[in-house]
C-alpha cells in the first residue's frame, strides 16, 4: 500500500480503462479522485474513453460525483443503476455523446461479486417485462446503443444474462487506513459494495485506491472492512468538507424541518395502515416512502425496515442524504441485502412512482426530460410479496392544504401521472411476475388497487368525488362496491 495524492491516483488511470466509482448516490463517494481525474483531463486530455460501472451514481445534482467525469470525450460508456444525482452524465447518455445503459441496481451489486468469482456474468429473472428486457428496450438509455443484455431459457423459464467486465480501477472511500493498508468504514453511512468492488478489481488484475479521513497505526481485525491485500493506494482527505457522510451534510435541508407538504403527509399517514401487524421486513424507497421511517418507529410493531444501501432500521434520511439513516440497528453489504430482496425477503415494499398507465405499466425511472434510472426499483418490486406505490395524483406545481380538517387542492399539478401510456416501463403489473401480488396505490385523494388491468378506487378522501378523480386520470377507473373514506389519523401537526 502506498499513501499518495489523488492526483497521483488519477495519473495511474489509463485511457479506455473500466472504472468502478464507489459510493451510493449521495453518500460515500471519493470526490478527491473524480475531481483529480477531471483536472488531469482538462490539463492533459487524459484519461479518455473510460467505461464506468456503478450501482447508484454519485452526485449532488450540482456538479460533484460522477458529473466531474462528464466532460466530452472523457467517458465512452456508462452502465449504472440509479442516475438521478448526476444530471450532466445522464444528459450525455440521453444525448448520445456517451453509450449509456441502465440496469437494475441490485443486478450491478451482484455483478461485482460475479466479476470477483470469475463468472461470465449474472443470470437472473430481475428485469423481465421491463424496459431492461431486450424485447422491450434492453436497458439502453438511447435507442442508438446496442443492448448488452441477452435472454436465456433455463429449465423452461426465461432469464436475463448481464455480462461481466474486467475492472481496471476501483475508486473507493473508507474512514481510516492503518499502516498496512487495512481499511475501516466505521464512520461511513453504509458499507455499500466496497469490499466486492475492491475484490473485483484485484481479480481482474486492476488497482484499488481508497480515500480516507485519517491514517492510524493499526486497526482491530473486527473493524477492517477492506483488507490491506486488496488496497494499492490510500489518499488522506485533508479537508473535512471533502469527506462528509453525504452531500446532504453541505445543505440545511436535511437538518431543518421540511416545509409542510400536506399532500405527501396524507400519503404517509395512509401508507402507515399497510404495515403488517406481525414481524415483517419492510423496504422504504426513495422519495415519499423514505418519510415513513420516522413514524414506523412509533408504531411499536416488530417490523424491520430496510434501505437498499444496506441499512436496517433507524430513521432514514432523504433528499441529498438518502441512503443514510440515524442510529440504524444494523448495516450489511448492499449486495447481501439485494440477495435477500431478490429471494423474496421483503414482505411489503413502499415505493414511489412517476406514472401509471391503463395497461398496468409503472414508470419510476423517466419523467419528461428528467431521468433517474431504475435504481433498485425493479429488484424490489419483482420480489416483494406486497407493493404499496406512494405518490401524488398529479405533480408539478401541486399545492394542497388542510382546511376544517379536510384536504383541499389550492393549485392543481400540471403533470398527469395516471396516463394512457407511460414513457418508460419500469415494471409491468400485467406481467406474470405480478399476477399474485397485492398491489395498492396510495395518493393524497384516493387509494387504488390494480388487478387484471383494472384500476379500482377502494377509498376516497372526504370532499372528493369519483368524477374529481377521473378528471385527472386518462383512462377509465372502476369503483369498489365497498368504497370507503380514507382514514387519516389526525397527527399532521407532528409531521
Protein backbone atom coordinates (compact mmCIF):
# COMPACT_ATOMS: atom_id res chain seq x y z
CA UNK A 1 0.00 0.00 0.00
CA UNK A 2 1.22 3.48 -0.90
CA UNK A 3 0.00 6.73 0.61
CA UNK A 4 -0.43 9.03 -2.37
CA UNK A 5 -2.25 12.12 -3.55
CA UNK A 6 -5.46 11.98 -5.52
CA UNK A 7 -3.56 13.46 -8.47
CA UNK A 8 -1.17 10.53 -8.41
CA UNK A 9 -4.08 8.06 -8.49
CA UNK A 10 -5.59 9.95 -11.41
CA UNK A 11 -2.26 9.69 -13.24
CA UNK A 12 -2.43 5.89 -12.97
CA UNK A 13 -5.82 5.60 -14.68
CA UNK A 14 -5.25 4.93 -18.35
CA UNK A 15 -7.49 5.80 -21.27
CA UNK A 16 -10.00 3.09 -22.24
CA UNK A 17 -10.00 1.76 -18.65
CA UNK A 18 -13.07 0.33 -16.95
CA UNK A 19 -13.55 2.09 -13.62
CA UNK A 20 -15.82 1.44 -10.63
CA UNK A 21 -16.57 4.75 -8.87
CA UNK A 22 -17.60 3.90 -5.30
CA UNK A 23 -20.37 5.19 -3.06
CA UNK A 24 -24.15 5.16 -3.06
CA UNK A 25 -25.81 8.14 -4.72
CA UNK A 26 -25.36 10.99 -2.26
CA UNK A 27 -23.24 9.03 0.20
CA UNK A 28 -19.67 7.80 0.45
CA UNK A 29 -18.22 8.88 -2.90
CA UNK A 30 -14.42 9.53 -3.11
CA UNK A 31 -14.68 13.05 -4.53
CA UNK A 32 -10.94 13.64 -4.37
CA UNK A 33 -10.42 11.07 -7.10
CA UNK A 34 -13.14 12.18 -9.51
CA UNK A 35 -12.04 15.80 -9.08
CA UNK A 36 -8.41 14.84 -9.76
CA UNK A 37 -9.43 12.86 -12.85
CA UNK A 38 -11.31 15.88 -14.19
CA UNK A 39 -8.33 18.17 -13.55
CA UNK A 40 -5.95 15.79 -15.32
CA UNK A 41 -8.32 15.52 -18.28
CA UNK A 42 -8.59 19.29 -18.59
CA UNK A 43 -4.79 19.67 -18.40
CA UNK A 44 -3.64 16.67 -20.45
CA UNK A 45 -6.64 15.32 -22.34
CA UNK A 46 -6.16 12.06 -20.42
CA UNK A 47 -7.64 9.69 -19.45
CA UNK A 48 -10.30 9.46 -22.16
CA UNK A 49 -12.87 6.92 -23.37
CA UNK A 50 -13.42 5.46 -19.89
CA UNK A 51 -16.14 2.91 -19.08
CA UNK A 52 -17.95 3.37 -15.77
CA UNK A 53 -19.75 0.62 -13.84
CA UNK A 54 -21.81 1.80 -10.87
CA UNK A 55 -24.86 0.68 -8.92
CA UNK A 56 -26.03 4.09 -7.67
CA UNK A 57 -24.35 7.01 -9.41
CA UNK A 58 -22.78 9.54 -7.06
CA UNK A 59 -23.67 13.21 -7.20
CA UNK A 60 -25.30 16.23 -5.63
CA UNK A 61 -27.08 17.46 -8.80
CA UNK A 62 -24.69 20.43 -8.73
CA UNK A 63 -21.55 19.02 -10.36
CA UNK A 64 -19.99 16.74 -7.76
CA UNK A 65 -19.56 13.00 -8.03
CA UNK A 66 -19.82 11.41 -11.46
CA UNK A 67 -20.67 14.72 -13.10
CA UNK A 68 -16.98 15.56 -12.70
CA UNK A 69 -16.38 12.92 -15.36
CA UNK A 70 -18.98 14.20 -17.82
CA UNK A 71 -16.55 16.29 -19.90
CA UNK A 72 -16.87 15.48 -23.61
CA UNK A 73 -14.61 12.61 -24.58
CA UNK A 74 -13.80 11.51 -21.05
CA UNK A 75 -16.42 8.75 -20.86
CA UNK A 76 -17.14 6.29 -23.65
CA UNK A 77 -19.66 4.06 -21.90
CA UNK A 78 -21.52 4.10 -18.57
CA UNK A 79 -23.52 1.25 -17.07
CA UNK A 80 -25.41 2.22 -13.95
CA UNK A 81 -28.48 1.60 -11.85
CA UNK A 82 -29.52 4.98 -10.44
CA UNK A 83 -28.63 8.12 -12.39
CA UNK A 84 -30.75 10.76 -10.68
CA UNK A 85 -27.98 12.58 -8.78
CA UNK A 86 -25.58 13.04 -11.73
CA UNK A 87 -27.59 15.00 -14.31
CA UNK A 88 -24.64 16.01 -16.52
CA UNK A 89 -23.63 12.38 -17.05
CA UNK A 90 -27.29 11.46 -17.56
CA UNK A 91 -27.73 14.17 -20.19
CA UNK A 92 -24.63 12.94 -22.01
CA UNK A 93 -26.21 9.47 -22.19
CA UNK A 94 -29.57 10.82 -23.32
CA UNK A 95 -27.94 12.97 -26.00
CA UNK A 96 -25.90 10.04 -27.24
CA UNK A 97 -22.47 11.55 -26.59
CA UNK A 98 -21.75 8.52 -24.40
CA UNK A 99 -23.13 5.00 -24.62
CA UNK A 100 -25.47 4.73 -21.64
CA UNK A 101 -27.01 1.62 -20.13
CA UNK A 102 -29.44 1.49 -17.23
CA UNK A 103 -29.51 -1.83 -15.37
CA UNK A 104 -31.23 -2.71 -12.08
CA UNK A 105 -29.10 -1.57 -9.16
CA UNK A 106 -29.22 -4.92 -7.41
CA UNK A 107 -28.07 -6.68 -10.57
CA UNK A 108 -24.98 -4.48 -10.69
CA UNK A 109 -24.32 -5.09 -6.99
CA UNK A 110 -24.42 -8.83 -7.68
CA UNK A 111 -22.27 -8.36 -10.78
CA UNK A 112 -19.40 -7.10 -8.62
CA UNK A 113 -19.44 -10.49 -6.89
CA UNK A 114 -19.72 -12.32 -10.21
CA UNK A 115 -16.71 -10.45 -11.56
CA UNK A 116 -14.80 -11.35 -8.40
CA UNK A 117 -15.53 -15.06 -8.77
CA UNK A 118 -14.63 -15.08 -12.47
CA UNK A 119 -18.17 -15.69 -13.75
CA UNK A 120 -19.19 -14.70 -17.27
CA UNK A 121 -21.94 -12.53 -15.87
CA UNK A 122 -25.13 -12.50 -13.82
CA UNK A 123 -28.19 -14.62 -14.65
CA UNK A 124 -31.48 -13.59 -13.06
CA UNK A 125 -35.21 -13.08 -13.55
CA UNK A 126 -34.84 -9.44 -12.48
CA UNK A 127 -35.75 -7.10 -15.33
CA UNK A 128 -38.13 -9.36 -17.26
CA UNK A 129 -41.11 -7.43 -18.61
CA UNK A 130 -39.46 -4.05 -18.02
CA UNK A 131 -37.58 -1.71 -20.30
CA UNK A 132 -34.46 -3.66 -19.26
CA UNK A 133 -35.82 -6.69 -21.14
CA UNK A 134 -34.18 -6.99 -24.61
CA UNK A 135 -37.67 -7.49 -26.08
CA UNK A 136 -38.66 -4.01 -24.88
CA UNK A 137 -35.65 -1.71 -24.62
CA UNK A 138 -32.65 -3.71 -23.50
CA UNK A 139 -31.72 -1.19 -20.81
CA UNK A 140 -30.33 1.27 -23.37
CA UNK A 141 -30.77 4.89 -22.40
CA UNK A 142 -30.96 5.86 -26.07
CA UNK A 143 -32.01 3.57 -28.88
CA UNK A 144 -28.80 4.00 -30.86
CA UNK A 145 -26.86 1.94 -28.28
CA UNK A 146 -26.87 -1.85 -28.72
CA UNK A 147 -28.25 -3.78 -25.77
CA UNK A 148 -25.65 -5.70 -23.77
CA UNK A 149 -28.28 -7.95 -22.18
CA UNK A 150 -29.37 -11.29 -23.64
CA UNK A 151 -32.29 -13.57 -22.90
CA UNK A 152 -31.88 -17.21 -21.86
CA UNK A 153 -34.24 -20.08 -21.18
CA UNK A 154 -33.22 -22.32 -18.30
CA UNK A 155 -35.39 -25.28 -17.26
CA UNK A 156 -38.30 -23.83 -19.18
CA UNK A 157 -38.10 -20.40 -17.56
CA UNK A 158 -36.86 -17.14 -19.04
CA UNK A 159 -33.91 -15.34 -17.52
CA UNK A 160 -31.76 -12.35 -18.40
CA UNK A 161 -27.98 -12.52 -18.74
CA UNK A 162 -25.98 -9.43 -17.76
CA UNK A 163 -22.33 -9.73 -18.90
CA UNK A 164 -19.33 -9.22 -16.62
CA UNK A 165 -16.48 -6.80 -17.28
CA UNK A 166 -12.79 -6.74 -16.41
CA UNK A 167 -12.14 -3.92 -13.94
CA UNK A 168 -9.04 -1.75 -14.27
CA UNK A 169 -9.59 0.55 -11.28
CA UNK A 170 -11.88 0.76 -8.27
CA UNK A 171 -12.00 4.22 -6.64
CA UNK A 172 -13.44 3.77 -3.16
CA UNK A 173 -13.90 5.51 0.18
CA UNK A 174 -13.37 4.39 3.75
CA UNK A 175 -12.97 6.08 7.11
CA UNK A 176 -9.49 5.06 8.30
CA UNK A 177 -6.48 3.22 6.96
CA UNK A 178 -3.82 1.65 9.10
CA UNK A 179 -0.13 1.45 8.25
CA UNK A 180 -0.61 -1.87 6.46
CA UNK A 181 -3.43 -0.53 4.30
CA UNK A 182 -6.37 -2.14 6.07
CA UNK A 183 -9.50 -0.01 5.68
CA UNK A 184 -12.23 0.70 8.21
CA UNK A 185 -15.64 2.06 7.16
CA UNK A 186 -16.96 2.58 10.65
CA UNK A 187 -17.99 6.22 10.09
CA UNK A 188 -19.34 5.76 6.57
CA UNK A 189 -23.13 5.73 6.32
CA UNK A 190 -23.03 2.15 4.98
CA UNK A 191 -20.61 -0.38 3.54
CA UNK A 192 -22.21 -0.30 0.07
CA UNK A 193 -20.34 -2.71 -2.24
CA UNK A 194 -16.85 -1.50 -1.36
CA UNK A 195 -15.38 -4.91 -0.46
CA UNK A 196 -16.73 -6.59 -3.59
CA UNK A 197 -15.65 -3.65 -5.74
CA UNK A 198 -12.11 -3.97 -4.39
CA UNK A 199 -12.05 -7.73 -4.95
CA UNK A 200 -13.48 -7.35 -8.47
CA UNK A 201 -10.63 -5.04 -9.44
CA UNK A 202 -7.91 -7.19 -7.87
CA UNK A 203 -9.14 -10.40 -9.50
CA UNK A 204 -9.27 -8.55 -12.83
CA UNK A 205 -5.63 -7.52 -12.44
CA UNK A 206 -6.67 -3.95 -11.69
CA UNK A 207 -5.84 -1.44 -8.97
CA UNK A 208 -7.73 -0.20 -5.89
CA UNK A 209 -7.48 3.28 -4.39
CA UNK A 210 -9.26 4.32 -1.20
CA UNK A 211 -9.90 7.85 0.11
CA UNK A 212 -9.93 8.02 3.93
CA UNK A 213 -10.19 10.59 6.70
CA UNK A 214 -7.09 9.57 8.60
CA UNK A 215 -4.20 7.18 8.98
CA UNK A 216 -3.83 5.18 12.21
CA UNK A 217 -1.11 2.80 13.37
CA UNK A 218 -3.26 -0.32 13.45
CA UNK A 219 -6.92 -1.36 13.21
CA UNK A 220 -8.54 -4.16 15.23
CA UNK A 221 -9.37 -7.01 12.86
CA UNK A 222 -13.08 -6.66 13.67
CA UNK A 223 -13.01 -3.10 12.31
CA UNK A 224 -11.46 -3.96 8.95
CA UNK A 225 -13.92 -3.85 6.05
CA UNK A 226 -11.38 -3.93 3.19
CA UNK A 227 -8.23 -5.99 3.93
CA UNK A 228 -4.86 -4.46 3.08
CA UNK A 229 -4.17 -7.17 0.50
CA UNK A 230 -6.80 -5.56 -1.74
CA UNK A 231 -5.56 -1.97 -1.41
CA UNK A 232 -2.90 -0.41 -3.66
CA UNK A 233 -3.25 3.29 -2.84
CA UNK A 234 -4.59 5.34 0.06
CA UNK A 235 -5.30 9.06 -0.09
CA UNK A 236 -5.96 11.10 3.06
CA UNK A 237 -8.59 13.84 2.81
CA UNK A 238 -7.02 16.89 4.44
CA UNK A 239 -10.21 18.99 4.30
CA UNK A 240 -13.18 17.58 6.29
CA UNK A 241 -15.52 19.01 3.64
CA UNK A 242 -14.05 16.50 1.18
CA UNK A 243 -15.15 13.60 3.36
CA UNK A 244 -18.66 14.32 4.64
CA UNK A 245 -21.06 11.39 5.22
CA UNK A 246 -23.32 12.64 2.41
CA UNK A 247 -23.81 15.62 0.14
CA UNK A 248 -26.81 16.45 2.31
CA UNK A 249 -24.39 17.49 5.04
CA UNK A 250 -23.47 20.51 2.90
CA UNK A 251 -27.05 21.79 2.98
CA UNK A 252 -29.53 22.61 5.70
CA UNK A 253 -32.46 20.87 4.02
CA UNK A 254 -31.91 17.56 5.78
CA UNK A 255 -31.43 19.12 9.20
CA UNK A 256 -34.14 21.75 9.40
CA UNK A 257 -37.86 20.96 9.31
CA UNK A 258 -39.05 20.49 5.75
CA UNK A 259 -41.82 22.91 4.75
CA UNK A 260 -45.05 21.07 5.46
CA UNK A 261 -46.28 19.27 2.35
CA UNK A 262 -49.82 18.28 3.18
CA UNK A 263 -50.28 16.03 0.13
CA UNK A 264 -47.18 13.99 0.98
CA UNK A 265 -48.18 13.72 4.61
CA UNK A 266 -51.67 12.47 3.77
CA UNK A 267 -50.00 9.75 1.71
CA UNK A 268 -47.57 8.89 4.52
CA UNK A 269 -50.32 8.63 7.10
CA UNK A 270 -52.47 6.40 4.89
CA UNK A 271 -49.45 4.25 4.00
CA UNK A 272 -48.79 3.53 7.67
CA UNK A 273 -52.01 1.49 7.72
CA UNK A 274 -50.37 -1.01 5.34
CA UNK A 275 -47.76 -2.07 7.89
CA UNK A 276 -48.10 -5.73 8.86
CA UNK A 277 -49.08 -6.41 12.45
CA UNK A 278 -46.70 -9.36 12.68
CA UNK A 279 -42.93 -9.47 12.25
CA UNK A 280 -42.08 -8.49 8.68
CA UNK A 281 -39.34 -6.99 6.52
CA UNK A 282 -40.22 -3.63 5.01
CA UNK A 283 -38.43 -1.76 2.22
CA UNK A 284 -38.59 2.03 2.03
CA UNK A 285 -37.77 3.52 -1.37
CA UNK A 286 -36.51 6.97 -2.25
CA UNK A 287 -38.88 9.94 -2.05
CA UNK A 288 -42.15 9.82 -0.11
CA UNK A 289 -41.59 6.24 1.19
CA UNK A 290 -38.40 7.32 2.98
CA UNK A 291 -40.54 9.62 5.15
CA UNK A 292 -42.32 6.62 6.65
CA UNK A 293 -39.33 5.58 8.75
CA UNK A 294 -39.88 8.25 11.37
CA UNK A 295 -43.40 7.02 12.06
CA UNK A 296 -42.76 3.30 11.76
CA UNK A 297 -40.54 3.70 14.81
CA UNK A 298 -43.61 4.92 16.74
CA UNK A 299 -45.92 2.06 15.77
CA UNK A 300 -44.36 -0.38 18.26
CA UNK A 301 -44.57 -3.30 15.82
CA UNK A 302 -41.97 -6.00 15.23
CA UNK A 303 -41.37 -4.80 11.67
CA UNK A 304 -37.85 -4.22 10.44
CA UNK A 305 -37.45 -1.71 7.64
CA UNK A 306 -34.58 -1.52 5.23
CA UNK A 307 -33.00 0.95 2.83
CA UNK A 308 -31.28 -0.62 -0.16
CA UNK A 309 -27.87 0.80 0.73
CA UNK A 310 -27.69 -1.99 3.35
CA UNK A 311 -29.33 -0.36 6.38
CA UNK A 312 -31.80 -1.83 8.86
CA UNK A 313 -34.00 0.49 10.93
CA UNK A 314 -33.02 3.81 12.44
CA UNK A 315 -34.55 6.92 10.88
CA UNK A 316 -33.89 7.05 7.13
CA UNK A 317 -32.76 10.36 5.70
CA UNK A 318 -33.99 11.76 2.42
CA UNK A 319 -33.06 14.31 -0.22
CA UNK A 320 -29.28 14.54 -0.66
CA UNK A 321 -28.79 12.17 2.29
CA UNK A 322 -30.88 9.25 1.02
CA UNK A 323 -29.04 6.03 1.79
CA UNK A 324 -28.13 7.24 5.28
CA UNK A 325 -30.06 6.61 8.50
CA UNK A 326 -29.83 8.00 12.01
CA UNK A 327 -28.97 5.32 14.59
CA UNK A 328 -29.54 2.20 12.46
CA UNK A 329 -29.75 -1.20 14.16
CA UNK A 330 -27.56 -2.96 11.60
CA UNK A 331 -25.62 -2.39 8.39
CA UNK A 332 -24.79 -5.13 5.89
CA UNK A 333 -23.30 -5.20 2.41
CA UNK A 334 -25.53 -3.80 -0.31
CA UNK A 335 -25.28 -6.92 -2.50
CA UNK A 336 -26.10 -9.10 0.53
CA UNK A 337 -29.28 -7.11 1.11
CA UNK A 338 -30.22 -7.35 -2.58
CA UNK A 339 -29.70 -11.11 -2.43
CA UNK A 340 -32.26 -11.19 0.37
CA UNK A 341 -34.57 -8.92 -1.62
CA UNK A 342 -34.30 -10.97 -4.82
CA UNK A 343 -35.13 -14.18 -2.96
CA UNK A 344 -38.41 -12.76 -1.64
CA UNK A 345 -37.28 -11.41 1.72
CA UNK A 346 -39.33 -8.20 1.51
CA UNK A 347 -42.87 -8.59 2.84
CA UNK A 348 -44.03 -5.08 1.96
CA UNK A 349 -42.25 -2.61 -0.32
CA UNK A 350 -43.17 1.07 -0.19
CA UNK A 351 -42.09 2.64 -3.48
CA UNK A 352 -42.67 5.90 -5.31
CA UNK A 353 -43.84 6.26 -8.92
CA UNK A 354 -43.82 8.78 -11.74
CA UNK A 355 -46.55 7.36 -13.99
CA UNK A 356 -49.07 4.52 -14.13
CA UNK A 357 -50.96 3.65 -17.29
CA UNK A 358 -54.11 1.81 -18.35
CA UNK A 359 -52.21 -1.42 -19.05
CA UNK A 360 -50.68 -1.51 -15.57
CA UNK A 361 -47.23 -0.35 -16.56
CA UNK A 362 -45.45 1.71 -13.90
CA UNK A 363 -42.78 4.29 -14.71
CA UNK A 364 -40.42 5.17 -11.87
CA UNK A 365 -37.37 5.96 -13.97
CA UNK A 366 -38.18 8.71 -16.50
CA UNK A 367 -40.47 11.74 -16.22
CA UNK A 368 -40.35 14.23 -19.05
CA UNK A 369 -36.70 15.07 -19.63
CA UNK A 370 -35.70 14.05 -16.11
CA UNK A 371 -34.24 10.56 -15.95
CA UNK A 372 -33.39 8.90 -12.65
CA UNK A 373 -32.96 5.35 -13.88
CA UNK A 374 -34.47 2.20 -12.43
CA UNK A 375 -32.25 2.07 -9.33
CA UNK A 376 -33.32 -0.78 -7.05
CA UNK A 377 -36.99 -0.42 -8.01
CA UNK A 378 -37.15 -3.49 -10.26
CA UNK A 379 -35.32 -5.81 -7.84
CA UNK A 380 -37.62 -4.78 -5.02
CA UNK A 381 -40.91 -4.66 -6.94
CA UNK A 382 -40.41 -8.02 -8.67
CA UNK A 383 -39.52 -9.83 -5.46
CA UNK A 384 -41.61 -8.22 -2.69
CA UNK A 385 -44.75 -10.00 -1.61
CA UNK A 386 -46.79 -6.78 -1.49
CA UNK A 387 -46.33 -3.43 -3.24
CA UNK A 388 -47.51 -0.11 -1.88
CA UNK A 389 -46.94 2.59 -4.50
CA UNK A 390 -46.95 6.07 -2.99
CA UNK A 391 -47.33 9.29 -4.96
CA UNK A 392 -49.47 12.34 -5.53
CA UNK A 393 -52.33 12.17 -8.04
CA UNK A 394 -50.73 14.92 -10.13
CA UNK A 395 -47.38 16.66 -9.85
CA UNK A 396 -45.64 19.85 -10.91
CA UNK A 397 -46.94 22.93 -9.03
CA UNK A 398 -49.37 20.84 -6.97
CA UNK A 399 -50.25 22.65 -3.75
CA UNK A 400 -52.53 21.15 -1.11
CA UNK A 401 -53.73 22.47 2.22
CA UNK A 402 -55.85 21.33 5.10
CA UNK A 403 -58.95 23.38 5.85
CA UNK A 404 -61.51 22.50 8.51
CA UNK A 405 -59.93 19.09 8.81
CA UNK A 406 -60.26 18.31 5.10
CA UNK A 407 -57.75 18.09 2.29
CA UNK A 408 -58.06 20.98 -0.14
CA UNK A 409 -56.27 21.37 -3.51
CA UNK A 410 -55.23 25.01 -3.78
CA UNK A 411 -53.33 24.57 -7.05
CA UNK A 412 -53.59 21.52 -9.27
CA UNK A 413 -50.45 19.88 -10.58
CA UNK A 414 -49.70 20.47 -14.25
CA UNK A 415 -48.32 16.98 -14.89
CA UNK A 416 -50.67 14.00 -15.13
CA UNK A 417 -49.38 10.80 -13.52
CA UNK A 418 -52.17 8.39 -14.48
CA UNK A 419 -51.69 8.27 -18.23
CA UNK A 420 -52.74 6.26 -21.27
CA UNK A 421 -49.17 5.06 -21.90
CA UNK A 422 -46.12 5.50 -19.68
CA UNK A 423 -42.92 6.99 -21.07
CA UNK A 424 -40.90 4.03 -19.87
CA UNK A 425 -41.85 0.62 -18.45
CA UNK A 426 -40.04 0.25 -15.16
CA UNK A 427 -42.35 -2.61 -14.19
CA UNK A 428 -45.44 -4.12 -15.83
CA UNK A 429 -48.11 -5.11 -13.33
CA UNK A 430 -49.75 -7.26 -16.03
CA UNK A 431 -46.61 -9.42 -16.32
CA UNK A 432 -47.00 -12.90 -14.74
CA UNK A 433 -44.47 -11.89 -12.05
CA UNK A 434 -47.08 -9.57 -10.51
CA UNK A 435 -50.30 -11.52 -11.05
CA UNK A 436 -50.49 -12.83 -7.49
CA UNK A 437 -49.09 -9.76 -5.74
CA UNK A 438 -51.16 -7.45 -3.61
CA UNK A 439 -50.71 -4.04 -5.25
CA UNK A 440 -52.00 -0.86 -3.60
CA UNK A 441 -51.58 2.67 -4.93
CA UNK A 442 -51.87 5.47 -2.39
CA UNK A 443 -52.39 9.09 -3.37
CA UNK A 444 -53.49 12.03 -1.26
CA UNK A 445 -57.00 11.86 -2.74
CA UNK A 446 -57.67 8.15 -3.13
CA UNK A 447 -56.38 4.65 -2.55
CA UNK A 448 -56.49 2.25 -5.52
CA UNK A 449 -55.92 -1.41 -6.23
CA UNK A 450 -54.70 -2.72 -9.57
CA UNK A 451 -55.73 -6.15 -10.78
CA UNK A 452 -56.33 -7.62 -14.25
CA UNK A 453 -55.52 -4.27 -15.89
CA UNK A 454 -58.24 -2.53 -13.90
CA UNK A 455 -57.58 0.43 -11.61
CA UNK A 456 -60.15 0.34 -8.84
CA UNK A 457 -60.86 3.09 -6.31
CA UNK A 458 -61.01 1.48 -2.87
CA UNK A 459 -61.02 4.61 -0.69
CA UNK A 460 -61.51 8.30 -1.31
CA UNK A 461 -60.66 11.37 0.76
CA UNK A 462 -63.50 13.41 2.20
CA UNK A 463 -64.53 16.26 -0.06
CA UNK A 464 -63.65 14.49 -3.32
CA UNK A 465 -65.83 12.58 -5.77
CA UNK A 466 -65.11 9.87 -8.31
CA UNK A 467 -65.65 12.49 -11.02
CA UNK A 468 -62.92 14.63 -9.39
CA UNK A 469 -60.51 11.71 -9.62
CA UNK A 470 -61.46 10.72 -13.17
CA UNK A 471 -60.74 14.27 -14.32
CA UNK A 472 -57.04 13.63 -13.65
CA UNK A 473 -56.83 10.01 -14.81
CA UNK A 474 -56.51 9.45 -18.55
CA UNK A 475 -58.30 6.09 -18.65
CA UNK A 476 -61.50 4.66 -17.14
CA UNK A 477 -61.40 3.67 -13.49
CA UNK A 478 -63.54 1.22 -11.59
CA UNK A 479 -65.17 1.82 -8.21
CA UNK A 480 -65.21 -0.79 -5.48
CA UNK A 481 -68.72 -1.69 -4.28
CA UNK A 482 -67.34 -1.31 -0.75
CA UNK A 483 -65.85 2.17 -1.34
CA UNK A 484 -64.92 3.83 1.94
CA UNK A 485 -63.43 7.09 3.15
CA UNK A 486 -59.67 7.24 3.67
CA UNK A 487 -58.88 7.08 7.36
CA UNK A 488 -56.19 9.66 8.04
CA UNK A 489 -55.04 9.83 11.63
CA UNK A 490 -55.06 13.38 12.91
CA UNK A 491 -51.34 13.73 13.54
CA UNK A 492 -50.44 16.20 10.81
CA UNK A 493 -49.18 18.62 13.44
CA UNK A 494 -46.40 16.09 14.19
CA UNK A 495 -45.15 16.00 10.61
